[in-house]
Amino acid sequence: MLPGRIGSRITAAPLKDPSTPRPVFCYGTLMSPEIWGNTMTQFGSGLDARLPDGVPAQLMDFRRHRIIGAQYPGIIPAKGHSVRGRLTYVGNHEHVKVLDFFEGADYERTTVAVVILDGPNTGTQVEADVYVWIGGLECIGPGDWDADKFLRSQASKFTQY
């Protein structure tokens, strides 16, 4: 984390109405209901800690990597690659502020297009916010971060605090 900075850098499209749900593409630890709940409880006093409704989705031209020395991933632009994750409709702007704080200065919240992979809107492209790794390429480990393995065996042990 860069000295003197708290929370993510933000280049995402502005919210039209801060009280409406905001689509956020989750591709790492926040796909776990337990980690989502812990994050909202610890940093979002009084906020609903339940993982919001979501659907499987895919982000094109990015790749998910493990971060050296960490249990969580980061994504970086990578032509021809894709990242599967969860399109989550975050309750309101207060939830987004908590996510900005949780993700920290090594991530930038930006707006991207993701494609819904399941349900009645399969194939639909949706504008969503995502947290992109900006903490330095020297921190990116080789190969992909395995989301299924993390959710199956490591999510319950995950602590960032």
Protein backbone atom coordinates (compact mmCIF):
# COMPACT_ATOMS: atom_id res chain seq x y z
CA MET A 1 0.00 0.00 0.00
CA LEU A 2 1.32 3.44 -0.86
CA PRO A 3 2.12 5.69 2.11
CA GLY A 4 -0.57 8.20 2.98
CA ARG A 5 -3.28 6.58 0.85
CA ILE A 6 -6.27 4.78 2.25
CA GLY A 7 -8.69 3.06 -0.07
CA SER A 8 -8.65 2.43 -3.77
CA ARG A 9 -7.95 4.89 -6.54
CA ILE A 10 -11.23 5.51 -8.38
CA THR A 11 -11.67 6.01 -12.11
CA ALA A 12 -15.08 4.34 -12.31
CA ALA A 13 -18.07 6.02 -13.90
CA PRO A 14 -19.86 8.24 -11.36
CA LEU A 15 -22.99 6.95 -9.67
CA LYS A 16 -26.18 8.41 -11.11
CA ASP A 17 -28.05 7.78 -7.86
CA PRO A 18 -26.08 6.81 -4.73
CA SER A 19 -29.09 4.98 -3.28
CA THR A 20 -29.45 2.48 -6.17
CA PRO A 21 -27.64 -0.87 -6.49
CA ARG A 22 -24.24 -0.68 -8.18
CA PRO A 23 -23.03 -3.62 -10.30
CA VAL A 24 -19.60 -4.79 -9.11
CA PHE A 25 -17.64 -7.65 -10.69
CA CYS A 26 -16.05 -9.79 -7.95
CA TYR A 27 -13.33 -12.22 -9.01
CA GLY A 28 -11.51 -13.13 -5.80
CA THR A 29 -12.01 -13.33 -2.06
CA LEU A 30 -15.24 -11.28 -2.11
CA MET A 31 -17.02 -14.10 -3.94
CA SER A 32 -17.12 -15.80 -0.52
CA PRO A 33 -20.25 -14.89 1.50
CA GLU A 34 -18.21 -15.24 4.71
CA ILE A 35 -15.49 -12.81 3.59
CA TRP A 36 -18.07 -10.38 2.17
CA GLY A 37 -19.93 -10.44 5.49
CA ASN A 38 -16.76 -9.96 7.55
CA THR A 39 -15.74 -7.02 5.35
CA MET A 40 -19.10 -5.26 5.66
CA THR A 41 -19.31 -5.94 9.40
CA GLN A 42 -15.78 -4.76 10.16
CA PHE A 43 -15.70 -1.65 7.95
CA GLY A 44 -19.36 -0.82 7.34
CA SER A 45 -21.01 0.01 10.63
CA GLY A 46 -24.69 -0.87 10.38
CA LEU A 47 -24.56 -2.06 6.75
CA ASP A 48 -26.26 -5.24 5.57
CA ALA A 49 -23.50 -7.88 5.68
CA ARG A 50 -25.21 -10.45 3.43
CA LEU A 51 -23.62 -11.10 0.04
CA PRO A 52 -25.96 -9.43 -2.46
CA ASP A 53 -27.62 -11.33 -5.27
CA GLY A 54 -25.36 -12.00 -8.18
CA VAL A 55 -24.80 -14.08 -11.28
CA PRO A 56 -21.78 -15.76 -12.87
CA ALA A 57 -20.09 -13.37 -15.31
CA GLN A 58 -16.96 -13.04 -17.42
CA LEU A 59 -14.57 -10.14 -17.96
CA MET A 60 -12.66 -10.20 -21.24
CA ASP A 61 -9.08 -9.05 -21.87
CA PHE A 62 -7.96 -9.35 -18.25
CA ARG A 63 -6.13 -12.10 -16.38
CA ARG A 64 -6.38 -13.04 -12.69
CA HIS A 65 -3.05 -13.65 -10.94
CA ARG A 66 -2.02 -14.53 -7.45
CA ILE A 67 -0.28 -11.75 -5.56
CA ILE A 68 3.10 -12.85 -4.20
CA GLY A 69 2.94 -13.32 -0.43
CA ALA A 70 -0.85 -12.94 -0.29
CA GLN A 71 -3.94 -15.17 -0.32
CA TYR A 72 -5.88 -12.86 -2.64
CA PRO A 73 -5.64 -12.18 -6.38
CA GLY A 74 -5.36 -9.18 -8.62
CA ILE A 75 -6.37 -8.74 -12.24
CA ILE A 76 -4.36 -6.96 -14.89
CA PRO A 77 -5.17 -6.21 -18.54
CA ALA A 78 -4.22 -9.16 -20.79
CA LYS A 79 -5.48 -9.28 -24.39
CA GLY A 80 -7.09 -12.60 -25.27
CA HIS A 81 -7.54 -13.76 -21.65
CA SER A 82 -10.67 -13.70 -19.52
CA VAL A 83 -11.67 -13.84 -15.87
CA ARG A 84 -14.74 -15.61 -14.55
CA GLY A 85 -16.33 -14.20 -11.44
CA ARG A 86 -19.58 -12.95 -9.99
CA LEU A 87 -21.56 -9.90 -11.02
CA THR A 88 -22.92 -8.60 -7.73
CA TYR A 89 -25.43 -5.80 -7.29
CA VAL A 90 -24.07 -3.87 -4.31
CA GLY A 91 -26.80 -2.34 -2.14
CA ASN A 92 -25.78 1.32 -2.27
CA HIS A 93 -22.85 3.71 -2.36
CA GLU A 94 -22.03 3.10 1.32
CA HIS A 95 -21.24 -0.54 0.45
CA VAL A 96 -19.02 0.64 -2.42
CA LYS A 97 -17.11 2.94 -0.03
CA VAL A 98 -16.44 -0.07 2.21
CA LEU A 99 -15.16 -2.04 -0.79
CA ASP A 100 -12.89 0.87 -1.77
CA PHE A 101 -11.40 0.87 1.73
CA PHE A 102 -11.08 -2.94 1.87
CA GLU A 103 -9.36 -3.20 -1.50
CA GLY A 104 -6.85 -0.50 -0.57
CA ALA A 105 -4.36 1.57 -2.50
CA ASP A 106 -3.05 -1.36 -4.55
CA TYR A 107 -6.31 -1.47 -6.51
CA GLU A 108 -8.14 0.94 -8.77
CA ARG A 109 -11.92 0.79 -9.10
CA THR A 110 -12.78 1.27 -12.74
CA THR A 111 -15.79 0.60 -14.96
CA VAL A 112 -15.73 -2.32 -17.41
CA ALA A 113 -18.14 -4.41 -19.46
CA VAL A 114 -18.82 -7.97 -18.28
CA VAL A 115 -20.94 -10.68 -19.88
CA ILE A 116 -23.55 -12.58 -17.85
CA LEU A 117 -22.96 -16.36 -18.11
CA ASP A 118 -26.10 -17.85 -16.54
CA GLY A 119 -29.82 -17.25 -16.10
CA PRO A 120 -32.41 -15.43 -18.18
CA ASN A 121 -29.94 -12.69 -19.18
CA THR A 122 -27.19 -15.04 -20.41
CA GLY A 123 -25.00 -13.29 -22.97
CA THR A 124 -26.06 -9.79 -21.89
CA GLN A 125 -23.25 -7.27 -21.52
CA VAL A 126 -23.43 -5.19 -18.33
CA GLU A 127 -21.42 -2.18 -17.19
CA ALA A 128 -19.87 -2.88 -13.78
CA ASP A 129 -17.13 -1.67 -11.50
CA VAL A 130 -14.09 -3.86 -10.88
CA TYR A 131 -10.94 -3.53 -8.79
CA VAL A 132 -7.83 -3.74 -11.01
CA TRP A 133 -4.38 -4.38 -9.52
CA ILE A 134 -2.11 -1.31 -9.66
CA GLY A 135 0.29 -2.40 -6.90
CA GLY A 136 3.14 -3.16 -9.29
CA LEU A 137 3.85 -5.98 -11.72
CA GLU A 138 6.72 -7.19 -9.52
CA CYS A 139 4.06 -8.39 -7.05
CA ILE A 140 2.25 -10.53 -9.63
CA GLY A 141 2.94 -14.25 -9.29
CA PRO A 142 3.18 -16.64 -12.22
CA GLY A 143 0.04 -18.41 -13.37
CA ASP A 144 -3.58 -17.91 -12.43
CA TRP A 145 -5.09 -17.59 -8.96
CA ASP A 146 -7.42 -20.56 -8.46
CA ALA A 147 -10.77 -19.15 -7.28
CA ASP A 148 -12.43 -22.57 -6.88
CA LYS A 149 -9.55 -23.88 -4.75
CA PHE A 150 -9.63 -20.75 -2.57
CA LEU A 151 -13.40 -20.88 -2.04
CA ARG A 152 -13.27 -24.62 -1.31
CA SER A 153 -10.33 -24.80 1.07
CA GLN A 154 -8.96 -21.40 2.08
CA ALA A 155 -11.85 -18.91 2.37
CA SER A 156 -12.67 -19.89 5.94
CA LYS A 157 -9.02 -19.26 6.97
CA PHE A 158 -8.68 -15.98 5.10
CA THR A 159 -7.89 -12.97 7.23
CA GLN A 160 -6.65 -9.67 5.95
CA TYR A 161 -7.12 -7.78 9.18
